[in-house]
Amino acid sequence: MNENIRKRNELLAQKVIKGLESRNMSGIYAVDKEEALKKALELIPEGSTIGMGGCMSAREIGLVDELKNGNYDFIDRDLETDKRAAMLKTYDADIFLSSANALTEDGVIINIDGNSNRVSAIAQGPKKVIFIVGMNKVCSDVDGAMKRARNVAAPINAQRFGLSTPCAKTGSCFNCKSPDTICCQFLITRFSRHEGRITVILVNDDLGF
């Protein structure tokens, strides 16, 4: 990575971390994917029950493989025949892994969901939530973050899932009411009432969508 970009991201990450702290959440900066993996594992005690939404960022840093192969109770929805039971088990997990569709410079976290299992678990249920967020998802304010979530993350995810939505066909949001829409629930996490519950690992890399 270009040294100037690296330095800019490091400075911006410190601003985001201060914003998160002002909202009763924690932030950690990782210089690369390898350090992000190390810091994530430091936050997850062995024996923990861990649930996850569709978090590509956790997969990209190698965290999912480590949890599957380590001494952890990882709830793997892909292997469960009863998806609903797996989702319900996740609500009582020790730790929930997620990424963000976007994150503001002052620490507001934006997520859009179709089935809503991800946003509901972020809001309530699991004892702790760990976000893995690439610096490519940091936006100046909530308006910019919502635009990123709807016009970047949502179309890519709709294409990834093979859905028949206008955004999957055009690459931008139509504010649709398609049966396939994944923009069913919008979660704006602006504060955590429970100190220590939410931690964001900011990674100096492009992760997820």
C-alpha atoms as a PDB file:
ATOM      1  CA  MET A   1       0.000   0.000   0.000  1.00  0.00           C
ATOM      2  CA  ASN A   2       1.166   3.530  -0.796  1.00  0.00           C
ATOM      3  CA  GLU A   3       2.732   5.099   2.298  1.00  0.00           C
ATOM      4  CA  ASN A   4       0.623   8.257   1.997  1.00  0.00           C
ATOM      5  CA  ILE A   5      -2.593   6.223   1.847  1.00  0.00           C
ATOM      6  CA  ARG A   6      -1.464   4.150   4.810  1.00  0.00           C
ATOM      7  CA  LYS A   7      -0.755   7.282   6.877  1.00  0.00           C
ATOM      8  CA  ARG A   8      -4.032   8.892   5.880  1.00  0.00           C
ATOM      9  CA  ASN A   9      -5.966   5.776   6.879  1.00  0.00           C
ATOM     10  CA  GLU A  10      -4.156   5.585  10.198  1.00  0.00           C
ATOM     11  CA  LEU A  11      -5.041   9.190  11.030  1.00  0.00           C
ATOM     12  CA  LEU A  12      -8.631   8.748   9.911  1.00  0.00           C
ATOM     13  CA  ALA A  13      -8.940   5.564  11.962  1.00  0.00           C
ATOM     14  CA  GLN A  14      -7.929   7.457  15.104  1.00  0.00           C
ATOM     15  CA  LYS A  15     -10.725   9.946  14.420  1.00  0.00           C
ATOM     16  CA  VAL A  16     -13.219   7.113  13.987  1.00  0.00           C
ATOM     17  CA  ILE A  17     -12.025   5.442  17.195  1.00  0.00           C
ATOM     18  CA  LYS A  18     -12.571   8.672  19.155  1.00  0.00           C
ATOM     19  CA  GLY A  19     -16.058   8.855  17.665  1.00  0.00           C
ATOM     20  CA  LEU A  20     -16.802   5.285  18.687  1.00  0.00           C
ATOM     21  CA  GLU A  21     -15.550   5.924  22.220  1.00  0.00           C
ATOM     22  CA  SER A  22     -17.841   8.950  22.509  1.00  0.00           C
ATOM     23  CA  ARG A  23     -20.702   6.549  21.711  1.00  0.00           C
ATOM     24  CA  ASN A  24     -19.749   4.003  24.398  1.00  0.00           C
ATOM     25  CA  MET A  25     -18.156   1.643  21.845  1.00  0.00           C
ATOM     26  CA  SER A  26     -14.540   0.614  21.328  1.00  0.00           C
ATOM     27  CA  GLY A  27     -12.310   0.837  18.275  1.00  0.00           C
ATOM     28  CA  ILE A  28      -9.047  -0.906  17.406  1.00  0.00           C
ATOM     29  CA  TYR A  29      -6.815  -0.134  14.422  1.00  0.00           C
ATOM     30  CA  ALA A  30      -5.078  -2.944  12.516  1.00  0.00           C
ATOM     31  CA  VAL A  31      -2.387  -2.168   9.963  1.00  0.00           C
ATOM     32  CA  ASP A  32      -3.277  -5.162   7.781  1.00  0.00           C
ATOM     33  CA  LYS A  33      -5.374  -8.345   7.591  1.00  0.00           C
ATOM     34  CA  GLU A  34      -2.854 -10.360   9.593  1.00  0.00           C
ATOM     35  CA  GLU A  35      -2.917  -7.935  12.493  1.00  0.00           C
ATOM     36  CA  ALA A  36      -6.724  -7.752  12.286  1.00  0.00           C
ATOM     37  CA  LEU A  37      -6.909 -11.529  12.671  1.00  0.00           C
ATOM     38  CA  LYS A  38      -4.569 -11.443  15.660  1.00  0.00           C
ATOM     39  CA  LYS A  39      -6.542  -8.688  17.390  1.00  0.00           C
ATOM     40  CA  ALA A  40      -9.868 -10.403  16.721  1.00  0.00           C
ATOM     41  CA  LEU A  41      -8.652 -13.672  18.250  1.00  0.00           C
ATOM     42  CA  GLU A  42      -7.427 -11.772  21.310  1.00  0.00           C
ATOM     43  CA  LEU A  43     -11.023 -10.640  21.851  1.00  0.00           C
ATOM     44  CA  ILE A  44     -12.499 -14.152  21.531  1.00  0.00           C
ATOM     45  CA  PRO A  45     -11.751 -16.527  24.421  1.00  0.00           C
ATOM     46  CA  GLU A  46     -11.441 -20.207  23.599  1.00  0.00           C
ATOM     47  CA  GLY A  47     -14.666 -22.080  24.264  1.00  0.00           C
ATOM     48  CA  SER A  48     -16.805 -19.108  23.265  1.00  0.00           C
ATOM     49  CA  THR A  49     -20.022 -19.590  21.333  1.00  0.00           C
ATOM     50  CA  ILE A  50     -19.798 -17.468  18.185  1.00  0.00           C
ATOM     51  CA  GLY A  51     -22.485 -16.508  15.706  1.00  0.00           C
ATOM     52  CA  MET A  52     -22.164 -14.575  12.483  1.00  0.00           C
ATOM     53  CA  GLY A  53     -24.198 -12.978   9.739  1.00  0.00           C
ATOM     54  CA  GLY A  54     -22.943 -12.900   6.167  1.00  0.00           C
ATOM     55  CA  CYS A  55     -19.659 -11.270   7.139  1.00  0.00           C
ATOM     56  CA  MET A  56     -17.309 -11.414   4.151  1.00  0.00           C
ATOM     57  CA  SER A  57     -14.718  -9.300   5.986  1.00  0.00           C
ATOM     58  CA  ALA A  58     -14.309 -11.922   8.733  1.00  0.00           C
ATOM     59  CA  ARG A  59     -13.705 -14.521   6.034  1.00  0.00           C
ATOM     60  CA  GLU A  60     -11.226 -12.328   4.179  1.00  0.00           C
ATOM     61  CA  ILE A  61      -8.953 -11.868   7.192  1.00  0.00           C
ATOM     62  CA  GLY A  62      -9.017 -15.621   7.877  1.00  0.00           C
ATOM     63  CA  LEU A  63     -11.047 -15.387  11.090  1.00  0.00           C
ATOM     64  CA  VAL A  64     -13.801 -17.820  10.110  1.00  0.00           C
ATOM     65  CA  ASP A  65     -11.307 -20.569   9.255  1.00  0.00           C
ATOM     66  CA  GLU A  66      -9.515 -20.045  12.580  1.00  0.00           C
ATOM     67  CA  LEU A  67     -12.774 -20.314  14.519  1.00  0.00           C
ATOM     68  CA  LYS A  68     -13.940 -23.410  12.642  1.00  0.00           C
ATOM     69  CA  ASN A  69     -10.648 -25.181  13.234  1.00  0.00           C
ATOM     70  CA  GLY A  70      -9.984 -23.950  16.770  1.00  0.00           C
ATOM     71  CA  ASN A  71     -11.395 -24.592  20.235  1.00  0.00           C
ATOM     72  CA  TYR A  72     -14.573 -22.593  19.687  1.00  0.00           C
ATOM     73  CA  ASP A  73     -18.286 -23.304  19.354  1.00  0.00           C
ATOM     74  CA  PHE A  74     -18.805 -21.678  15.963  1.00  0.00           C
ATOM     75  CA  ILE A  75     -22.417 -21.671  14.782  1.00  0.00           C
ATOM     76  CA  ASP A  76     -22.017 -22.471  11.090  1.00  0.00           C
ATOM     77  CA  ARG A  77     -25.312 -21.773   9.353  1.00  0.00           C
ATOM     78  CA  ASP A  78     -24.001 -23.307   6.128  1.00  0.00           C
ATOM     79  CA  LEU A  79     -23.896 -26.704   7.820  1.00  0.00           C
ATOM     80  CA  GLU A  80     -27.245 -26.442   9.598  1.00  0.00           C
ATOM     81  CA  THR A  81     -30.352 -27.932   8.032  1.00  0.00           C
ATOM     82  CA  ASP A  82     -32.557 -25.860  10.333  1.00  0.00           C
ATOM     83  CA  LYS A  83     -31.455 -22.301   9.504  1.00  0.00           C
ATOM     84  CA  ARG A  84     -33.984 -20.725  11.843  1.00  0.00           C
ATOM     85  CA  ALA A  85     -32.717 -22.761  14.798  1.00  0.00           C
ATOM     86  CA  ALA A  86     -29.163 -21.684  14.006  1.00  0.00           C
ATOM     87  CA  MET A  87     -30.217 -18.035  13.863  1.00  0.00           C
ATOM     88  CA  LEU A  88     -32.053 -18.317  17.175  1.00  0.00           C
ATOM     89  CA  LYS A  89     -29.022 -19.963  18.778  1.00  0.00           C
ATOM     90  CA  THR A  90     -26.951 -17.023  17.607  1.00  0.00           C
ATOM     91  CA  TYR A  91     -29.006 -14.598  19.704  1.00  0.00           C
ATOM     92  CA  ASP A  92     -27.667 -16.267  22.845  1.00  0.00           C
ATOM     93  CA  ALA A  93     -24.054 -16.427  21.631  1.00  0.00           C
ATOM     94  CA  ASP A  94     -21.129 -15.051  23.576  1.00  0.00           C
ATOM     95  CA  ILE A  95     -19.933 -13.171  20.509  1.00  0.00           C
ATOM     96  CA  PHE A  96     -21.503 -12.056  17.253  1.00  0.00           C
ATOM     97  CA  LEU A  97     -19.290 -11.251  14.265  1.00  0.00           C
ATOM     98  CA  SER A  98     -20.333  -8.692  11.717  1.00  0.00           C
ATOM     99  CA  SER A  99     -19.069  -6.063   9.369  1.00  0.00           C
ATOM    100  CA  ALA A 100     -20.709  -2.758   8.488  1.00  0.00           C
ATOM    101  CA  ASN A 101     -22.137  -1.575   5.205  1.00  0.00           C
ATOM    102  CA  ALA A 102     -20.704   1.804   6.150  1.00  0.00           C
ATOM    103  CA  LEU A 103     -19.210   3.659   9.109  1.00  0.00           C
ATOM    104  CA  THR A 104     -19.036   7.415   9.662  1.00  0.00           C
ATOM    105  CA  GLU A 105     -15.952   9.344  10.680  1.00  0.00           C
ATOM    106  CA  ASP A 106     -17.591  10.088  14.029  1.00  0.00           C
ATOM    107  CA  GLY A 107     -18.449   6.465  14.797  1.00  0.00           C
ATOM    108  CA  VAL A 108     -21.986   5.805  13.592  1.00  0.00           C
ATOM    109  CA  ILE A 109     -22.425   2.285  12.149  1.00  0.00           C
ATOM    110  CA  ILE A 110     -24.839   1.656   9.249  1.00  0.00           C
ATOM    111  CA  ASN A 111     -26.222  -1.752   8.270  1.00  0.00           C
ATOM    112  CA  ILE A 112     -28.943  -2.890   5.860  1.00  0.00           C
ATOM    113  CA  ASP A 113     -30.421  -6.384   6.015  1.00  0.00           C
ATOM    114  CA  GLY A 114     -32.854  -8.596   4.161  1.00  0.00           C
ATOM    115  CA  ASN A 115     -33.710 -11.392   6.596  1.00  0.00           C
ATOM    116  CA  SER A 116     -32.832  -9.060   9.492  1.00  0.00           C
ATOM    117  CA  ASN A 117     -31.059 -11.736  11.536  1.00  0.00           C
ATOM    118  CA  ARG A 118     -27.844  -9.716  11.314  1.00  0.00           C
ATOM    119  CA  VAL A 119     -29.194  -6.310  12.336  1.00  0.00           C
ATOM    120  CA  SER A 120     -31.339  -7.798  15.096  1.00  0.00           C
ATOM    121  CA  ALA A 121     -28.330  -9.607  16.597  1.00  0.00           C
ATOM    122  CA  ILE A 122     -26.280  -6.414  16.443  1.00  0.00           C
ATOM    123  CA  ALA A 123     -29.003  -4.530  18.269  1.00  0.00           C
ATOM    124  CA  GLN A 124     -29.827  -7.115  20.936  1.00  0.00           C
ATOM    125  CA  GLY A 125     -28.996 -10.639  22.046  1.00  0.00           C
ATOM    126  CA  PRO A 126     -25.348 -11.751  21.832  1.00  0.00           C
ATOM    127  CA  LYS A 127     -23.228 -10.661  24.776  1.00  0.00           C
ATOM    128  CA  LYS A 128     -20.611  -8.971  22.603  1.00  0.00           C
ATOM    129  CA  VAL A 129     -20.440  -7.791  18.988  1.00  0.00           C
ATOM    130  CA  ILE A 130     -17.175  -7.556  17.049  1.00  0.00           C
ATOM    131  CA  PHE A 131     -17.204  -5.642  13.787  1.00  0.00           C
ATOM    132  CA  ILE A 132     -14.486  -6.214  11.169  1.00  0.00           C
ATOM    133  CA  VAL A 133     -14.473  -3.111   8.963  1.00  0.00           C
ATOM    134  CA  GLY A 134     -12.143  -2.149   6.133  1.00  0.00           C
ATOM    135  CA  MET A 135     -11.187   1.521   5.839  1.00  0.00           C
ATOM    136  CA  ASN A 136     -12.882   1.543   2.432  1.00  0.00           C
ATOM    137  CA  LYS A 137     -16.229   1.710   4.277  1.00  0.00           C
ATOM    138  CA  VAL A 138     -15.565   4.921   6.214  1.00  0.00           C
ATOM    139  CA  CYS A 139     -17.747   7.841   5.077  1.00  0.00           C
ATOM    140  CA  SER A 140     -17.871  11.466   6.150  1.00  0.00           C
ATOM    141  CA  ASP A 141     -21.374  11.446   7.644  1.00  0.00           C
ATOM    142  CA  VAL A 142     -24.597   9.451   8.004  1.00  0.00           C
ATOM    143  CA  ASP A 143     -25.967  10.677   4.673  1.00  0.00           C
ATOM    144  CA  GLY A 144     -22.843   9.513   2.864  1.00  0.00           C
ATOM    145  CA  ALA A 145     -22.870   6.234   4.783  1.00  0.00           C
ATOM    146  CA  MET A 146     -26.491   5.539   3.844  1.00  0.00           C
ATOM    147  CA  LYS A 147     -25.713   6.275   0.198  1.00  0.00           C
ATOM    148  CA  ARG A 148     -22.776   3.886   0.300  1.00  0.00           C
ATOM    149  CA  ALA A 149     -24.873   1.163   1.923  1.00  0.00           C
ATOM    150  CA  ARG A 150     -27.658   1.501  -0.648  1.00  0.00           C
ATOM    151  CA  ASN A 151     -25.630   2.183  -3.802  1.00  0.00           C
ATOM    152  CA  VAL A 152     -22.464   0.146  -3.235  1.00  0.00           C
ATOM    153  CA  ALA A 153     -23.039  -2.618  -0.682  1.00  0.00           C
ATOM    154  CA  ALA A 154     -26.647  -3.505  -1.527  1.00  0.00           C
ATOM    155  CA  PRO A 155     -26.218  -3.886  -5.320  1.00  0.00           C
ATOM    156  CA  ILE A 156     -23.072  -6.003  -4.932  1.00  0.00           C
ATOM    157  CA  ASN A 157     -24.730  -8.255  -2.367  1.00  0.00           C
ATOM    158  CA  ALA A 158     -27.852  -8.578  -4.522  1.00  0.00           C
ATOM    159  CA  GLN A 159     -25.638  -9.665  -7.425  1.00  0.00           C
ATOM    160  CA  ARG A 160     -23.691 -12.024  -5.146  1.00  0.00           C
ATOM    161  CA  PHE A 161     -26.905 -13.756  -4.078  1.00  0.00           C
ATOM    162  CA  GLY A 162     -28.279 -13.887  -7.635  1.00  0.00           C
ATOM    163  CA  LEU A 163     -31.323 -11.777  -6.752  1.00  0.00           C
ATOM    164  CA  SER A 164     -33.660 -10.162  -9.249  1.00  0.00           C
ATOM    165  CA  THR A 165     -33.650  -6.569  -8.028  1.00  0.00           C
ATOM    166  CA  PRO A 166     -33.258  -3.334 -10.000  1.00  0.00           C
ATOM    167  CA  CYS A 167     -29.975  -2.600  -8.234  1.00  0.00           C
ATOM    168  CA  ALA A 168     -28.558  -5.980  -9.237  1.00  0.00           C
ATOM    169  CA  LYS A 169     -29.252  -5.113 -12.863  1.00  0.00           C
ATOM    170  CA  THR A 170     -28.144  -1.470 -12.837  1.00  0.00           C
ATOM    171  CA  GLY A 171     -25.691  -1.162  -9.976  1.00  0.00           C
ATOM    172  CA  SER A 172     -27.578   1.575  -8.118  1.00  0.00           C
ATOM    173  CA  CYS A 173     -30.480   1.818  -5.711  1.00  0.00           C
ATOM    174  CA  PHE A 174     -34.048   2.284  -6.994  1.00  0.00           C
ATOM    175  CA  ASN A 175     -35.638   2.318  -3.512  1.00  0.00           C
ATOM    176  CA  CYS A 176     -37.502  -0.735  -4.771  1.00  0.00           C
ATOM    177  CA  LYS A 177     -40.177  -2.927  -3.240  1.00  0.00           C
ATOM    178  CA  SER A 178     -39.067  -6.001  -5.131  1.00  0.00           C
ATOM    179  CA  PRO A 179     -39.855  -9.365  -3.492  1.00  0.00           C
ATOM    180  CA  ASP A 180     -36.100 -10.010  -3.640  1.00  0.00           C
ATOM    181  CA  THR A 181     -35.071  -6.738  -1.985  1.00  0.00           C
ATOM    182  CA  ILE A 182     -32.377  -7.022   0.669  1.00  0.00           C
ATOM    183  CA  CYS A 183     -33.083  -3.499   1.924  1.00  0.00           C
ATOM    184  CA  CYS A 184     -35.775  -4.552   4.412  1.00  0.00           C
ATOM    185  CA  GLN A 185     -34.311  -3.294   7.669  1.00  0.00           C
ATOM    186  CA  PHE A 186     -31.970  -0.332   8.220  1.00  0.00           C
ATOM    187  CA  LEU A 187     -29.986  -0.222  11.468  1.00  0.00           C
ATOM    188  CA  ILE A 188     -28.207   2.945  12.585  1.00  0.00           C
ATOM    189  CA  THR A 189     -26.042   2.189  15.594  1.00  0.00           C
ATOM    190  CA  ARG A 190     -25.269   5.601  17.077  1.00  0.00           C
ATOM    191  CA  PHE A 191     -24.716   4.608  20.714  1.00  0.00           C
ATOM    192  CA  SER A 192     -24.346   1.502  22.857  1.00  0.00           C
ATOM    193  CA  ARG A 193     -26.015   1.567  26.243  1.00  0.00           C
ATOM    194  CA  HIS A 194     -23.901  -1.421  27.329  1.00  0.00           C
ATOM    195  CA  GLU A 195     -20.258  -0.497  27.787  1.00  0.00           C
ATOM    196  CA  GLY A 196     -17.848  -3.061  26.342  1.00  0.00           C
ATOM    197  CA  ARG A 197     -20.452  -4.794  24.180  1.00  0.00           C
ATOM    198  CA  ILE A 198     -19.437  -3.408  20.778  1.00  0.00           C
ATOM    199  CA  THR A 199     -15.887  -3.345  19.410  1.00  0.00           C
ATOM    200  CA  VAL A 200     -14.923  -2.262  15.895  1.00  0.00           C
ATOM    201  CA  ILE A 201     -11.661  -3.477  14.361  1.00  0.00           C
ATOM    202  CA  LEU A 202     -10.700  -1.013  11.640  1.00  0.00           C
ATOM    203  CA  VAL A 203      -8.480  -2.670   9.049  1.00  0.00           C
ATOM    204  CA  ASN A 204      -6.140  -0.718   6.782  1.00  0.00           C
ATOM    205  CA  ASP A 205      -7.338  -2.616   3.721  1.00  0.00           C
ATOM    206  CA  ASP A 206     -10.317  -2.886   1.380  1.00  0.00           C
ATOM    207  CA  LEU A 207     -12.603  -5.522   2.874  1.00  0.00           C
ATOM    208  CA  GLY A 208     -16.081  -6.684   1.938  1.00  0.00           C
ATOM    209  CA  PHE A 209     -18.487  -4.625  -0.115  1.00  0.00           C
END
